[in-house]
């Protein structure tokens, strides 16, 4: 992998990690279309590690929320008889929602990694992402905010995040759609999705970093990883800002149409290529 290839993939990661069209699918589709060939395990580690770049803008943009959550949790736990504020409960529900993805990620790691090498699976999962987005919008009936979040809500959104470990199933798409299906406004569903992404991205990055030593020629991969991570951080910041503004006015349907179109076109192309 060259530095230029890594920068291009970092830009793809930054654009598609938060916009609900599946970053994992695009990180596999772009090299497939361009004819780039990477060692599968190294490519998988690069894809996971470059996600750490998109963790940076999340922390920057939601730093005020994170500060309130951490302070609320500290007060609730350390102060005898301390009350659980809305911020403290939100932090608790983020932890609850993280459990399904962490468990499935550890148990199905090899199966998830293998799915990255199968283009038909990527395009098929993109079709499912499109249907999930449409379903989430159609099921939305109420306009709840995160102060009304419950343990059931957190687990349902967390399960959606766990399923999105497979490439082609958008993490942000699945979690925002699940939040919409639970009756939250688009803005609040997106906010919880992004907060839930912080431990998910950090955990996946740490696990992948531990696997770096098993990759042959890992020293040659470090430069591309750094370049890709920087690119994903810059573009990811812009993508988050844009998406939050977009969801204040528009629905998820435009992303559903995109996922369905790319999924169908990709399945046709894989059939033609054989």
C-alpha atoms as a PDB file:
ATOM      1  CA  UNK A   1       0.000   0.000   0.000  1.00  0.00           C
ATOM      2  CA  UNK A   2       1.374   3.391  -1.011  1.00  0.00           C
ATOM      3  CA  UNK A   3       0.906   6.633   0.891  1.00  0.00           C
ATOM      4  CA  UNK A   4      -1.275   7.982  -1.932  1.00  0.00           C
ATOM      5  CA  UNK A   5      -3.532   4.929  -1.780  1.00  0.00           C
ATOM      6  CA  UNK A   6      -3.728   5.325   1.999  1.00  0.00           C
ATOM      7  CA  UNK A   7      -4.703   9.003   1.736  1.00  0.00           C
ATOM      8  CA  UNK A   8      -7.444   8.172  -0.769  1.00  0.00           C
ATOM      9  CA  UNK A   9      -8.776   5.442   1.512  1.00  0.00           C
ATOM     10  CA  UNK A  10      -8.518   7.805   4.499  1.00  0.00           C
ATOM     11  CA  UNK A  11     -10.675  10.334   2.645  1.00  0.00           C
ATOM     12  CA  UNK A  12     -13.172   7.568   1.854  1.00  0.00           C
ATOM     13  CA  UNK A  13     -13.196   6.542   5.525  1.00  0.00           C
ATOM     14  CA  UNK A  14     -13.746  10.105   6.721  1.00  0.00           C
ATOM     15  CA  UNK A  15     -16.602  10.662   4.274  1.00  0.00           C
ATOM     16  CA  UNK A  16     -18.429   7.389   4.862  1.00  0.00           C
ATOM     17  CA  UNK A  17     -17.886   6.580   8.566  1.00  0.00           C
ATOM     18  CA  UNK A  18     -20.618   8.960   9.676  1.00  0.00           C
ATOM     19  CA  UNK A  19     -22.645   9.473   6.494  1.00  0.00           C
ATOM     20  CA  UNK A  20     -24.829   6.316   6.624  1.00  0.00           C
ATOM     21  CA  UNK A  21     -23.535   4.502   3.536  1.00  0.00           C
ATOM     22  CA  UNK A  22     -21.042   2.079   5.190  1.00  0.00           C
ATOM     23  CA  UNK A  23     -17.378   3.010   5.411  1.00  0.00           C
ATOM     24  CA  UNK A  24     -16.334  -0.649   5.593  1.00  0.00           C
ATOM     25  CA  UNK A  25     -18.009  -1.391   2.262  1.00  0.00           C
ATOM     26  CA  UNK A  26     -16.448   1.604   0.541  1.00  0.00           C
ATOM     27  CA  UNK A  27     -12.994   0.798   1.928  1.00  0.00           C
ATOM     28  CA  UNK A  28     -13.293  -2.589   0.240  1.00  0.00           C
ATOM     29  CA  UNK A  29     -15.114  -1.455  -2.924  1.00  0.00           C
ATOM     30  CA  UNK A  30     -12.689   1.350  -3.868  1.00  0.00           C
ATOM     31  CA  UNK A  31      -9.599  -0.931  -4.025  1.00  0.00           C
ATOM     32  CA  UNK A  32     -11.680  -3.583  -5.819  1.00  0.00           C
ATOM     33  CA  UNK A  33     -12.779  -1.109  -8.509  1.00  0.00           C
ATOM     34  CA  UNK A  34      -9.287   0.410  -8.775  1.00  0.00           C
ATOM     35  CA  UNK A  35      -7.622  -2.981  -9.080  1.00  0.00           C
ATOM     36  CA  UNK A  36      -5.500  -2.498  -5.969  1.00  0.00           C
ATOM     37  CA  UNK A  37      -4.389  -5.711  -4.324  1.00  0.00           C
ATOM     38  CA  UNK A  38      -3.499  -5.819  -0.631  1.00  0.00           C
ATOM     39  CA  UNK A  39      -2.727  -8.703   1.701  1.00  0.00           C
ATOM     40  CA  UNK A  40      -6.168  -9.397   3.279  1.00  0.00           C
ATOM     41  CA  UNK A  41      -5.108  -9.329   6.939  1.00  0.00           C
ATOM     42  CA  UNK A  42      -3.023  -6.178   6.480  1.00  0.00           C
ATOM     43  CA  UNK A  43      -5.890  -4.496   4.601  1.00  0.00           C
ATOM     44  CA  UNK A  44      -8.309  -5.384   7.400  1.00  0.00           C
ATOM     45  CA  UNK A  45      -5.982  -3.956  10.048  1.00  0.00           C
ATOM     46  CA  UNK A  46      -5.501  -0.779   8.004  1.00  0.00           C
ATOM     47  CA  UNK A  47      -9.264  -0.338   7.653  1.00  0.00           C
ATOM     48  CA  UNK A  48      -9.788  -0.700  11.409  1.00  0.00           C
ATOM     49  CA  UNK A  49      -6.833   1.433  12.466  1.00  0.00           C
ATOM     50  CA  UNK A  50      -7.679   4.284  10.096  1.00  0.00           C
ATOM     51  CA  UNK A  51     -11.008   4.500  11.937  1.00  0.00           C
ATOM     52  CA  UNK A  52      -9.023   5.991  14.815  1.00  0.00           C
ATOM     53  CA  UNK A  53      -8.686   9.075  12.643  1.00  0.00           C
ATOM     54  CA  UNK A  54     -12.451   9.527  12.685  1.00  0.00           C
ATOM     55  CA  UNK A  55     -12.416   9.128  16.452  1.00  0.00           C
ATOM     56  CA  UNK A  56     -10.565  12.445  16.790  1.00  0.00           C
ATOM     57  CA  UNK A  57     -13.292  14.689  15.296  1.00  0.00           C
ATOM     58  CA  UNK A  58     -15.921  12.857  17.341  1.00  0.00           C
ATOM     59  CA  UNK A  59     -14.108  13.753  20.564  1.00  0.00           C
ATOM     60  CA  UNK A  60     -13.550  17.327  19.402  1.00  0.00           C
ATOM     61  CA  UNK A  61     -17.139  17.973  18.310  1.00  0.00           C
ATOM     62  CA  UNK A  62     -18.762  16.232  21.278  1.00  0.00           C
ATOM     63  CA  UNK A  63     -16.213  17.306  23.896  1.00  0.00           C
ATOM     64  CA  UNK A  64     -18.823  19.281  25.869  1.00  0.00           C
ATOM     65  CA  UNK A  65     -21.184  16.272  25.947  1.00  0.00           C
ATOM     66  CA  UNK A  66     -18.340  13.981  26.995  1.00  0.00           C
ATOM     67  CA  UNK A  67     -17.272  16.342  29.779  1.00  0.00           C
ATOM     68  CA  UNK A  68     -20.820  16.511  31.163  1.00  0.00           C
ATOM     69  CA  UNK A  69     -21.232  12.739  30.911  1.00  0.00           C
ATOM     70  CA  UNK A  70     -17.947  11.977  32.679  1.00  0.00           C
ATOM     71  CA  UNK A  71     -18.628  14.550  35.387  1.00  0.00           C
ATOM     72  CA  UNK A  72     -22.152  13.230  35.901  1.00  0.00           C
ATOM     73  CA  UNK A  73     -20.940   9.635  36.141  1.00  0.00           C
ATOM     74  CA  UNK A  74     -18.179  10.590  38.572  1.00  0.00           C
ATOM     75  CA  UNK A  75     -20.597  12.410  40.843  1.00  0.00           C
ATOM     76  CA  UNK A  76     -23.161   9.595  40.733  1.00  0.00           C
ATOM     77  CA  UNK A  77     -20.579   6.928  41.561  1.00  0.00           C
ATOM     78  CA  UNK A  78     -18.284   8.757  43.998  1.00  0.00           C
ATOM     79  CA  UNK A  79     -20.753  10.825  45.977  1.00  0.00           C
ATOM     80  CA  UNK A  80     -22.689   8.813  48.480  1.00  0.00           C
ATOM     81  CA  UNK A  81     -26.336   9.320  47.682  1.00  0.00           C
ATOM     82  CA  UNK A  82     -25.396  11.248  44.534  1.00  0.00           C
ATOM     83  CA  UNK A  83     -28.220  11.646  42.041  1.00  0.00           C
ATOM     84  CA  UNK A  84     -28.144  10.235  38.535  1.00  0.00           C
ATOM     85  CA  UNK A  85     -28.517  13.215  36.237  1.00  0.00           C
ATOM     86  CA  UNK A  86     -29.595  12.958  32.596  1.00  0.00           C
ATOM     87  CA  UNK A  87     -25.928  13.204  31.563  1.00  0.00           C
ATOM     88  CA  UNK A  88     -24.891  10.414  33.951  1.00  0.00           C
ATOM     89  CA  UNK A  89     -27.672   8.154  32.694  1.00  0.00           C
ATOM     90  CA  UNK A  90     -26.691   8.913  29.104  1.00  0.00           C
ATOM     91  CA  UNK A  91     -23.141   7.781  29.879  1.00  0.00           C
ATOM     92  CA  UNK A  92     -24.522   4.599  31.446  1.00  0.00           C
ATOM     93  CA  UNK A  93     -26.652   3.883  28.373  1.00  0.00           C
ATOM     94  CA  UNK A  94     -23.644   4.441  26.096  1.00  0.00           C
ATOM     95  CA  UNK A  95     -21.808   1.743  28.062  1.00  0.00           C
ATOM     96  CA  UNK A  96     -24.831  -0.580  27.871  1.00  0.00           C
ATOM     97  CA  UNK A  97     -25.129  -0.001  24.122  1.00  0.00           C
ATOM     98  CA  UNK A  98     -21.447  -0.811  23.622  1.00  0.00           C
ATOM     99  CA  UNK A  99     -21.696  -4.324  25.097  1.00  0.00           C
ATOM    100  CA  UNK A 100     -23.340  -6.127  22.109  1.00  0.00           C
ATOM    101  CA  UNK A 101     -20.767  -4.886  19.576  1.00  0.00           C
ATOM    102  CA  UNK A 102     -17.870  -5.699  21.902  1.00  0.00           C
ATOM    103  CA  UNK A 103     -19.159  -9.233  22.508  1.00  0.00           C
ATOM    104  CA  UNK A 104     -19.969 -10.034  18.882  1.00  0.00           C
ATOM    105  CA  UNK A 105     -16.742  -8.395  17.693  1.00  0.00           C
ATOM    106  CA  UNK A 106     -14.647 -10.711  19.853  1.00  0.00           C
ATOM    107  CA  UNK A 107     -16.663 -13.851  19.093  1.00  0.00           C
ATOM    108  CA  UNK A 108     -17.032 -13.318  15.333  1.00  0.00           C
ATOM    109  CA  UNK A 109     -13.755 -11.532  14.546  1.00  0.00           C
ATOM    110  CA  UNK A 110     -12.535 -14.075  11.959  1.00  0.00           C
ATOM    111  CA  UNK A 111     -15.910 -14.253  10.220  1.00  0.00           C
ATOM    112  CA  UNK A 112     -16.156 -10.471  10.025  1.00  0.00           C
ATOM    113  CA  UNK A 113     -12.618 -10.222   8.628  1.00  0.00           C
ATOM    114  CA  UNK A 114     -13.384 -12.850   5.967  1.00  0.00           C
ATOM    115  CA  UNK A 115     -16.457 -10.939   4.801  1.00  0.00           C
ATOM    116  CA  UNK A 116     -14.243  -8.027   3.686  1.00  0.00           C
ATOM    117  CA  UNK A 117     -12.807 -10.189   0.908  1.00  0.00           C
ATOM    118  CA  UNK A 118     -16.170 -11.077  -0.667  1.00  0.00           C
ATOM    119  CA  UNK A 119     -17.559  -8.306  -2.947  1.00  0.00           C
ATOM    120  CA  UNK A 120     -20.980  -9.960  -3.331  1.00  0.00           C
ATOM    121  CA  UNK A 121     -21.435  -9.913   0.439  1.00  0.00           C
ATOM    122  CA  UNK A 122     -20.495  -6.217   0.573  1.00  0.00           C
ATOM    123  CA  UNK A 123     -23.045  -5.244  -2.053  1.00  0.00           C
ATOM    124  CA  UNK A 124     -25.698  -7.486  -0.525  1.00  0.00           C
ATOM    125  CA  UNK A 125     -25.207  -5.888   2.885  1.00  0.00           C
ATOM    126  CA  UNK A 126     -25.440  -2.435   1.263  1.00  0.00           C
ATOM    127  CA  UNK A 127     -28.918  -3.393   0.045  1.00  0.00           C
ATOM    128  CA  UNK A 128     -29.811  -4.337   3.604  1.00  0.00           C
ATOM    129  CA  UNK A 129     -28.468  -0.968   4.828  1.00  0.00           C
ATOM    130  CA  UNK A 130     -30.782   0.810   2.385  1.00  0.00           C
ATOM    131  CA  UNK A 131     -33.764  -1.170   3.637  1.00  0.00           C
ATOM    132  CA  UNK A 132     -32.807  -0.496   7.271  1.00  0.00           C
ATOM    133  CA  UNK A 133     -32.702   3.257   6.627  1.00  0.00           C
ATOM    134  CA  UNK A 134     -36.111   3.234   4.949  1.00  0.00           C
ATOM    135  CA  UNK A 135     -37.603   1.088   7.729  1.00  0.00           C
ATOM    136  CA  UNK A 136     -36.221   3.336  10.458  1.00  0.00           C
ATOM    137  CA  UNK A 137     -37.797   6.410   8.893  1.00  0.00           C
ATOM    138  CA  UNK A 138     -41.144   4.677   8.361  1.00  0.00           C
ATOM    139  CA  UNK A 139     -41.279   3.425  11.962  1.00  0.00           C
ATOM    140  CA  UNK A 140     -40.526   6.848  13.431  1.00  0.00           C
ATOM    141  CA  UNK A 141     -43.681   8.182  15.011  1.00  0.00           C
ATOM    142  CA  UNK A 142     -42.582  10.190  18.038  1.00  0.00           C
ATOM    143  CA  UNK A 143     -39.939  12.850  18.615  1.00  0.00           C
ATOM    144  CA  UNK A 144     -38.275  11.804  21.881  1.00  0.00           C
ATOM    145  CA  UNK A 145     -35.024  13.280  23.189  1.00  0.00           C
ATOM    146  CA  UNK A 146     -32.128  11.534  24.919  1.00  0.00           C
ATOM    147  CA  UNK A 147     -33.351  12.461  28.392  1.00  0.00           C
ATOM    148  CA  UNK A 148     -36.030   9.797  27.761  1.00  0.00           C
ATOM    149  CA  UNK A 149     -33.538   7.115  26.718  1.00  0.00           C
ATOM    150  CA  UNK A 150     -34.052   3.779  28.505  1.00  0.00           C
ATOM    151  CA  UNK A 151     -32.021   0.611  28.909  1.00  0.00           C
ATOM    152  CA  UNK A 152     -34.209  -1.056  26.253  1.00  0.00           C
ATOM    153  CA  UNK A 153     -33.484   1.792  23.819  1.00  0.00           C
ATOM    154  CA  UNK A 154     -29.757   1.523  24.500  1.00  0.00           C
ATOM    155  CA  UNK A 155     -29.736  -2.250  23.966  1.00  0.00           C
ATOM    156  CA  UNK A 156     -31.730  -2.028  20.725  1.00  0.00           C
ATOM    157  CA  UNK A 157     -29.390   0.611  19.266  1.00  0.00           C
ATOM    158  CA  UNK A 158     -26.406  -1.357  20.592  1.00  0.00           C
ATOM    159  CA  UNK A 159     -27.606  -4.512  18.827  1.00  0.00           C
ATOM    160  CA  UNK A 160     -27.927  -2.517  15.607  1.00  0.00           C
ATOM    161  CA  UNK A 161     -24.322  -1.378  16.045  1.00  0.00           C
ATOM    162  CA  UNK A 162     -23.213  -4.977  16.626  1.00  0.00           C
ATOM    163  CA  UNK A 163     -24.804  -6.174  13.383  1.00  0.00           C
ATOM    164  CA  UNK A 164     -23.015  -3.360  11.541  1.00  0.00           C
ATOM    165  CA  UNK A 165     -19.648  -4.984  12.255  1.00  0.00           C
ATOM    166  CA  UNK A 166     -20.110  -6.763   8.932  1.00  0.00           C
ATOM    167  CA  UNK A 167     -18.912  -4.723   5.928  1.00  0.00           C
ATOM    168  CA  UNK A 168     -21.730  -3.117   3.980  1.00  0.00           C
ATOM    169  CA  UNK A 169     -23.934  -2.677   7.036  1.00  0.00           C
ATOM    170  CA  UNK A 170     -23.480   0.978   7.970  1.00  0.00           C
ATOM    171  CA  UNK A 171     -22.802   1.518  11.670  1.00  0.00           C
ATOM    172  CA  UNK A 172     -24.132   5.062  11.678  1.00  0.00           C
ATOM    173  CA  UNK A 173     -27.024   4.067   9.420  1.00  0.00           C
ATOM    174  CA  UNK A 174     -28.055   1.115  11.565  1.00  0.00           C
ATOM    175  CA  UNK A 175     -27.799   2.989  14.861  1.00  0.00           C
ATOM    176  CA  UNK A 176     -29.539   6.157  13.632  1.00  0.00           C
ATOM    177  CA  UNK A 177     -32.297   4.058  12.048  1.00  0.00           C
ATOM    178  CA  UNK A 178     -32.683   2.066  15.273  1.00  0.00           C
ATOM    179  CA  UNK A 179     -32.939   5.322  17.209  1.00  0.00           C
ATOM    180  CA  UNK A 180     -35.563   6.574  14.772  1.00  0.00           C
ATOM    181  CA  UNK A 181     -37.486   3.312  15.140  1.00  0.00           C
ATOM    182  CA  UNK A 182     -37.440   3.846  18.917  1.00  0.00           C
ATOM    183  CA  UNK A 183     -39.066   7.247  18.412  1.00  0.00           C
ATOM    184  CA  UNK A 184     -36.130   9.646  18.689  1.00  0.00           C
ATOM    185  CA  UNK A 185     -35.749  12.686  16.461  1.00  0.00           C
ATOM    186  CA  UNK A 186     -33.099  12.491  13.738  1.00  0.00           C
ATOM    187  CA  UNK A 187     -30.857  14.907  15.613  1.00  0.00           C
ATOM    188  CA  UNK A 188     -31.097  12.967  18.895  1.00  0.00           C
ATOM    189  CA  UNK A 189     -30.720   9.585  17.164  1.00  0.00           C
ATOM    190  CA  UNK A 190     -27.588  10.872  15.409  1.00  0.00           C
ATOM    191  CA  UNK A 191     -26.206  12.297  18.651  1.00  0.00           C
ATOM    192  CA  UNK A 192     -26.556   8.961  20.454  1.00  0.00           C
ATOM    193  CA  UNK A 193     -25.118   7.145  17.421  1.00  0.00           C
ATOM    194  CA  UNK A 194     -22.027   9.355  17.459  1.00  0.00           C
ATOM    195  CA  UNK A 195     -21.541   9.050  21.219  1.00  0.00           C
ATOM    196  CA  UNK A 196     -21.887   5.266  20.896  1.00  0.00           C
ATOM    197  CA  UNK A 197     -19.254   5.300  18.151  1.00  0.00           C
ATOM    198  CA  UNK A 198     -16.560   6.662  20.469  1.00  0.00           C
ATOM    199  CA  UNK A 199     -15.975   3.513  22.577  1.00  0.00           C
ATOM    200  CA  UNK A 200     -16.673   1.301  19.535  1.00  0.00           C
ATOM    201  CA  UNK A 201     -14.027   2.946  17.360  1.00  0.00           C
ATOM    202  CA  UNK A 202     -11.537   3.179  20.221  1.00  0.00           C
ATOM    203  CA  UNK A 203     -11.978  -0.482  21.149  1.00  0.00           C
ATOM    204  CA  UNK A 204     -11.714  -1.747  17.573  1.00  0.00           C
ATOM    205  CA  UNK A 205      -8.611   0.371  17.020  1.00  0.00           C
ATOM    206  CA  UNK A 206      -6.897  -0.951  20.141  1.00  0.00           C
ATOM    207  CA  UNK A 207      -7.629  -4.575  19.210  1.00  0.00           C
ATOM    208  CA  UNK A 208      -6.289  -3.996  15.693  1.00  0.00           C
ATOM    209  CA  UNK A 209      -3.180  -2.255  17.062  1.00  0.00           C
ATOM    210  CA  UNK A 210      -2.454  -5.336  19.162  1.00  0.00           C
ATOM    211  CA  UNK A 211      -2.553  -7.412  15.959  1.00  0.00           C
ATOM    212  CA  UNK A 212      -0.045  -5.249  14.096  1.00  0.00           C
ATOM    213  CA  UNK A 213       2.855  -7.391  15.252  1.00  0.00           C
ATOM    214  CA  UNK A 214       1.373 -10.369  13.381  1.00  0.00           C
ATOM    215  CA  UNK A 215       1.524  -8.574  10.013  1.00  0.00           C
ATOM    216  CA  UNK A 216       4.554  -9.294   7.855  1.00  0.00           C
ATOM    217  CA  UNK A 217       6.389  -6.095   6.874  1.00  0.00           C
ATOM    218  CA  UNK A 218       4.452  -4.034   9.401  1.00  0.00           C
ATOM    219  CA  UNK A 219       7.067  -1.263   9.314  1.00  0.00           C
ATOM    220  CA  UNK A 220       6.170  -0.581   5.659  1.00  0.00           C
ATOM    221  CA  UNK A 221       2.520  -0.194   6.657  1.00  0.00           C
ATOM    222  CA  UNK A 222       3.069   2.388   9.401  1.00  0.00           C
ATOM    223  CA  UNK A 223       3.552   5.337   7.005  1.00  0.00           C
ATOM    224  CA  UNK A 224       0.353   4.651   5.046  1.00  0.00           C
ATOM    225  CA  UNK A 225      -1.578   4.138   8.307  1.00  0.00           C
ATOM    226  CA  UNK A 226      -0.468   7.541   9.637  1.00  0.00           C
ATOM    227  CA  UNK A 227      -1.268   9.267   6.334  1.00  0.00           C
ATOM    228  CA  UNK A 228      -4.669   7.581   6.078  1.00  0.00           C
ATOM    229  CA  UNK A 229      -5.505   8.384   9.688  1.00  0.00           C
ATOM    230  CA  UNK A 230      -4.753  12.101   9.256  1.00  0.00           C
ATOM    231  CA  UNK A 231      -6.850  12.247   6.073  1.00  0.00           C
ATOM    232  CA  UNK A 232      -9.773  10.489   7.741  1.00  0.00           C
ATOM    233  CA  UNK A 233      -9.633  12.856  10.740  1.00  0.00           C
ATOM    234  CA  UNK A 234      -9.824  16.021   8.634  1.00  0.00           C
ATOM    235  CA  UNK A 235     -12.536  14.755   6.287  1.00  0.00           C
ATOM    236  CA  UNK A 236     -14.425  13.104   9.159  1.00  0.00           C
ATOM    237  CA  UNK A 237     -14.727  16.426  10.983  1.00  0.00           C
ATOM    238  CA  UNK A 238     -16.276  18.053   7.924  1.00  0.00           C
ATOM    239  CA  UNK A 239     -18.577  15.061   7.350  1.00  0.00           C
ATOM    240  CA  UNK A 240     -19.958  15.133  10.902  1.00  0.00           C
ATOM    241  CA  UNK A 241     -20.672  18.862  10.730  1.00  0.00           C
ATOM    242  CA  UNK A 242     -22.375  18.460   7.374  1.00  0.00           C
ATOM    243  CA  UNK A 243     -24.475  15.443   8.424  1.00  0.00           C
ATOM    244  CA  UNK A 244     -25.762  17.085  11.613  1.00  0.00           C
ATOM    245  CA  UNK A 245     -26.904  20.095   9.585  1.00  0.00           C
ATOM    246  CA  UNK A 246     -28.404  17.851   6.903  1.00  0.00           C
ATOM    247  CA  UNK A 247     -30.425  15.746   9.355  1.00  0.00           C
ATOM    248  CA  UNK A 248     -31.941  18.888  10.870  1.00  0.00           C
ATOM    249  CA  UNK A 249     -33.773  19.380   7.557  1.00  0.00           C
ATOM    250  CA  UNK A 250     -33.849  16.115   5.602  1.00  0.00           C
ATOM    251  CA  UNK A 251     -34.594  12.417   6.078  1.00  0.00           C
ATOM    252  CA  UNK A 252     -32.379   9.352   5.698  1.00  0.00           C
ATOM    253  CA  UNK A 253     -34.111   8.315   2.472  1.00  0.00           C
ATOM    254  CA  UNK A 254     -31.514   9.873   0.162  1.00  0.00           C
ATOM    255  CA  UNK A 255     -28.833   7.656   1.735  1.00  0.00           C
ATOM    256  CA  UNK A 256     -31.138   4.644   1.442  1.00  0.00           C
ATOM    257  CA  UNK A 257     -31.544   5.276  -2.278  1.00  0.00           C
ATOM    258  CA  UNK A 258     -27.761   5.581  -2.671  1.00  0.00           C
ATOM    259  CA  UNK A 259     -27.119   2.294  -0.817  1.00  0.00           C
ATOM    260  CA  UNK A 260     -29.765   0.449  -2.848  1.00  0.00           C
ATOM    261  CA  UNK A 261     -28.397   1.825  -6.129  1.00  0.00           C
ATOM    262  CA  UNK A 262     -24.764   0.967  -5.316  1.00  0.00           C
ATOM    263  CA  UNK A 263     -25.751  -2.444  -3.993  1.00  0.00           C
ATOM    264  CA  UNK A 264     -27.701  -3.362  -7.136  1.00  0.00           C
ATOM    265  CA  UNK A 265     -25.035  -1.957  -9.469  1.00  0.00           C
ATOM    266  CA  UNK A 266     -22.318  -3.807  -7.563  1.00  0.00           C
ATOM    267  CA  UNK A 267     -24.113  -7.152  -7.709  1.00  0.00           C
ATOM    268  CA  UNK A 268     -24.592  -6.717 -11.460  1.00  0.00           C
ATOM    269  CA  UNK A 269     -20.924  -5.822 -11.889  1.00  0.00           C
ATOM    270  CA  UNK A 270     -19.716  -8.818  -9.868  1.00  0.00           C
ATOM    271  CA  UNK A 271     -21.915 -11.073 -12.017  1.00  0.00           C
ATOM    272  CA  UNK A 272     -20.443  -9.598 -15.212  1.00  0.00           C
ATOM    273  CA  UNK A 273     -16.897  -9.919 -13.931  1.00  0.00           C
ATOM    274  CA  UNK A 274     -17.612 -13.479 -12.841  1.00  0.00           C
END
